[in-house]
């Protein structure tokens, strides 16, 4: 969970555009007077897509594991 909170650290430490993390890349599409919605949403979909795909394939196992711990024998 702590890797989701790395935005502040990465924005302070990383200066090279090649080393930017995905949240910093997405944030670069927001400026003071304009938001590039097309690029921002396209990158957000790419950022979230692996999590959605993993959840789709692992949902049966995740549900089985959660219910196994909840049922008292």
N, C-alpha and C. Protein backbone atom coordinates (compact mmCIF):
# COMPACT_ATOMS: atom_id res chain seq x y z
N UNK A 1 0.82 -1.19 0.00
CA UNK A 1 0.00 0.00 0.00
C UNK A 1 0.87 1.26 0.00
N UNK A 2 2.05 1.16 0.54
CA UNK A 2 2.88 2.36 0.62
C UNK A 2 3.36 2.82 -0.76
N UNK A 3 3.39 1.94 -1.75
CA UNK A 3 3.83 2.36 -3.08
C UNK A 3 2.83 3.29 -3.74
N UNK A 4 1.58 3.25 -3.33
CA UNK A 4 0.58 4.17 -3.87
C UNK A 4 0.81 5.57 -3.32
N UNK A 5 1.51 5.69 -2.22
CA UNK A 5 1.73 6.98 -1.57
C UNK A 5 3.09 7.59 -1.91
N UNK A 6 3.71 7.14 -2.98
CA UNK A 6 5.05 7.60 -3.31
C UNK A 6 5.06 8.87 -4.16
N UNK A 7 3.92 9.43 -4.43
CA UNK A 7 3.85 10.59 -5.33
C UNK A 7 4.70 11.75 -4.83
N UNK A 8 4.58 12.07 -3.57
CA UNK A 8 5.31 13.21 -3.02
C UNK A 8 6.82 12.98 -3.08
N UNK A 9 7.27 11.80 -2.70
CA UNK A 9 8.70 11.49 -2.73
C UNK A 9 9.24 11.54 -4.17
N UNK A 10 8.50 10.92 -5.09
CA UNK A 10 8.97 10.90 -6.47
C UNK A 10 8.98 12.29 -7.09
N UNK A 11 8.00 13.12 -6.75
CA UNK A 11 7.98 14.47 -7.32
C UNK A 11 9.12 15.33 -6.81
N UNK A 12 9.63 15.04 -5.63
CA UNK A 12 10.74 15.80 -5.07
C UNK A 12 12.08 15.27 -5.57
N UNK A 13 12.22 13.95 -5.63
CA UNK A 13 13.51 13.34 -5.93
C UNK A 13 13.79 13.24 -7.43
N UNK A 14 12.82 12.81 -8.22
CA UNK A 14 13.05 12.52 -9.64
C UNK A 14 12.93 13.80 -10.46
N UNK A 15 13.97 14.09 -11.21
CA UNK A 15 13.97 15.26 -12.09
C UNK A 15 14.02 14.86 -13.57
N UNK A 16 14.53 13.69 -13.88
CA UNK A 16 14.68 13.25 -15.26
C UNK A 16 13.34 12.73 -15.79
N UNK A 17 12.90 13.18 -16.97
CA UNK A 17 11.63 12.72 -17.53
C UNK A 17 11.60 11.21 -17.81
N UNK A 18 12.76 10.61 -18.08
CA UNK A 18 12.81 9.18 -18.36
C UNK A 18 12.55 8.33 -17.12
N UNK A 19 12.81 8.88 -15.95
CA UNK A 19 12.66 8.12 -14.71
C UNK A 19 11.34 8.37 -13.98
N UNK A 20 10.49 9.20 -14.54
CA UNK A 20 9.23 9.53 -13.88
C UNK A 20 8.35 8.30 -13.70
N UNK A 21 7.68 8.22 -12.57
CA UNK A 21 6.74 7.15 -12.33
C UNK A 21 5.41 7.48 -13.01
N UNK A 22 4.51 6.51 -13.06
CA UNK A 22 3.24 6.72 -13.77
C UNK A 22 2.41 7.84 -13.15
N UNK A 23 2.26 7.94 -11.82
CA UNK A 23 1.50 9.07 -11.27
C UNK A 23 2.09 10.43 -11.65
N UNK A 24 3.40 10.53 -11.70
CA UNK A 24 4.02 11.81 -12.11
C UNK A 24 3.76 12.09 -13.58
N UNK A 25 3.76 11.05 -14.39
CA UNK A 25 3.45 11.23 -15.81
C UNK A 25 2.02 11.70 -16.02
N UNK A 26 1.10 11.13 -15.27
CA UNK A 26 -0.30 11.54 -15.37
C UNK A 26 -0.47 12.97 -14.88
N UNK A 27 0.21 13.32 -13.83
CA UNK A 27 0.10 14.67 -13.26
C UNK A 27 0.66 15.71 -14.22
N UNK A 28 1.57 15.31 -15.09
CA UNK A 28 2.15 16.28 -16.02
C UNK A 28 1.15 16.77 -17.06
N UNK A 29 0.00 16.11 -17.20
CA UNK A 29 -1.03 16.56 -18.14
C UNK A 29 -1.97 17.59 -17.52
N UNK A 30 -1.72 17.94 -16.28
CA UNK A 30 -2.52 18.97 -15.60
C UNK A 30 -1.63 20.19 -15.41
N UNK A 31 -2.01 21.28 -16.03
CA UNK A 31 -1.25 22.53 -15.87
C UNK A 31 -2.12 23.53 -15.13
N UNK A 32 -1.62 24.71 -14.96
CA UNK A 32 -2.34 25.73 -14.21
C UNK A 32 -3.64 26.15 -14.90
N UNK A 33 -3.60 26.27 -16.20
CA UNK A 33 -4.76 26.79 -16.93
C UNK A 33 -5.45 25.78 -17.83
N UNK A 34 -4.90 24.59 -17.96
CA UNK A 34 -5.47 23.62 -18.89
C UNK A 34 -5.23 22.19 -18.40
N UNK A 35 -6.20 21.32 -18.69
CA UNK A 35 -6.07 19.90 -18.40
C UNK A 35 -6.23 19.16 -19.72
N UNK A 36 -5.27 18.33 -20.06
CA UNK A 36 -5.33 17.56 -21.29
C UNK A 36 -6.07 16.25 -21.00
N UNK A 37 -7.40 16.31 -21.09
CA UNK A 37 -8.25 15.20 -20.65
C UNK A 37 -8.03 13.93 -21.45
N UNK A 38 -7.82 14.02 -22.74
CA UNK A 38 -7.62 12.84 -23.56
C UNK A 38 -6.39 12.05 -23.14
N UNK A 39 -5.26 12.73 -23.04
CA UNK A 39 -4.02 12.08 -22.64
C UNK A 39 -4.08 11.61 -21.19
N UNK A 40 -4.71 12.40 -20.33
CA UNK A 40 -4.81 12.04 -18.91
C UNK A 40 -5.63 10.76 -18.74
N UNK A 41 -6.79 10.68 -19.38
CA UNK A 41 -7.63 9.49 -19.21
C UNK A 41 -7.03 8.28 -19.90
N UNK A 42 -6.36 8.45 -21.03
CA UNK A 42 -5.72 7.32 -21.69
C UNK A 42 -4.63 6.73 -20.81
N UNK A 43 -3.83 7.57 -20.19
CA UNK A 43 -2.79 7.08 -19.29
C UNK A 43 -3.38 6.48 -18.02
N UNK A 44 -4.46 7.02 -17.53
CA UNK A 44 -5.10 6.47 -16.34
C UNK A 44 -5.64 5.07 -16.62
N UNK A 45 -6.19 4.86 -17.81
CA UNK A 45 -6.68 3.52 -18.18
C UNK A 45 -5.52 2.54 -18.26
N UNK A 46 -4.43 2.95 -18.86
CA UNK A 46 -3.25 2.08 -18.95
C UNK A 46 -2.71 1.76 -17.55
N UNK A 47 -2.79 2.71 -16.66
CA UNK A 47 -2.30 2.55 -15.29
C UNK A 47 -3.15 1.57 -14.50
N UNK A 48 -4.47 1.57 -14.72
CA UNK A 48 -5.39 0.76 -13.94
C UNK A 48 -5.66 -0.60 -14.59
N UNK A 49 -5.43 -0.73 -15.87
CA UNK A 49 -5.74 -1.94 -16.60
C UNK A 49 -5.10 -3.21 -16.03
N UNK A 50 -3.83 -3.24 -15.65
CA UNK A 50 -3.27 -4.47 -15.07
C UNK A 50 -3.98 -4.91 -13.79
N UNK A 51 -4.39 -3.97 -12.97
CA UNK A 51 -5.10 -4.30 -11.74
C UNK A 51 -6.46 -4.93 -12.05
N UNK A 52 -7.16 -4.38 -13.03
CA UNK A 52 -8.47 -4.93 -13.42
C UNK A 52 -8.31 -6.32 -14.01
N UNK A 53 -7.32 -6.53 -14.86
CA UNK A 53 -7.09 -7.84 -15.47
C UNK A 53 -6.72 -8.87 -14.40
N UNK A 54 -5.85 -8.50 -13.47
CA UNK A 54 -5.48 -9.41 -12.38
C UNK A 54 -6.70 -9.78 -11.55
N UNK A 55 -7.53 -8.82 -11.24
CA UNK A 55 -8.72 -9.08 -10.44
C UNK A 55 -9.69 -10.00 -11.17
N UNK A 56 -9.83 -9.82 -12.47
CA UNK A 56 -10.72 -10.68 -13.25
C UNK A 56 -10.25 -12.13 -13.21
N UNK A 57 -8.96 -12.37 -13.35
CA UNK A 57 -8.44 -13.73 -13.36
C UNK A 57 -8.32 -14.33 -11.97
N UNK A 58 -8.09 -13.53 -10.97
CA UNK A 58 -7.87 -14.04 -9.63
C UNK A 58 -9.11 -13.94 -8.74
N UNK A 59 -10.22 -13.47 -9.25
CA UNK A 59 -11.39 -13.23 -8.40
C UNK A 59 -11.91 -14.51 -7.75
N UNK A 60 -11.91 -15.62 -8.47
CA UNK A 60 -12.40 -16.87 -7.90
C UNK A 60 -11.54 -17.28 -6.69
N UNK A 61 -10.24 -17.21 -6.85
CA UNK A 61 -9.34 -17.55 -5.75
C UNK A 61 -9.43 -16.56 -4.59
N UNK A 62 -9.59 -15.29 -4.92
CA UNK A 62 -9.71 -14.27 -3.87
C UNK A 62 -10.97 -14.49 -3.04
N UNK A 63 -12.08 -14.77 -3.71
CA UNK A 63 -13.34 -15.00 -3.00
C UNK A 63 -13.25 -16.27 -2.18
N UNK A 64 -12.67 -17.32 -2.74
CA UNK A 64 -12.52 -18.58 -2.01
C UNK A 64 -11.67 -18.38 -0.75
N UNK A 65 -10.61 -17.63 -0.87
CA UNK A 65 -9.74 -17.37 0.29
C UNK A 65 -10.40 -16.53 1.35
N UNK A 66 -11.19 -15.54 0.93
CA UNK A 66 -11.88 -14.69 1.91
C UNK A 66 -12.98 -15.45 2.63
N UNK A 67 -13.71 -16.28 1.91
CA UNK A 67 -14.80 -17.03 2.55
C UNK A 67 -14.29 -18.19 3.38
N UNK A 68 -13.12 -18.74 3.04
CA UNK A 68 -12.56 -19.84 3.83
C UNK A 68 -12.20 -19.38 5.23
N UNK A 69 -11.75 -18.17 5.37
CA UNK A 69 -11.39 -17.66 6.68
C UNK A 69 -12.59 -17.20 7.48
N UNK A 70 -13.71 -16.97 6.82
CA UNK A 70 -14.90 -16.47 7.50
C UNK A 70 -15.82 -17.57 8.00
N UNK A 71 -15.68 -18.78 7.46
CA UNK A 71 -16.58 -19.88 7.82
C UNK A 71 -15.99 -20.64 8.99
N UNK A 72 -16.80 -20.80 10.02
CA UNK A 72 -16.35 -21.53 11.21
C UNK A 72 -16.81 -22.98 11.10
N UNK A 73 -15.90 -23.90 11.30
CA UNK A 73 -16.28 -25.33 11.20
C UNK A 73 -16.47 -25.96 12.55
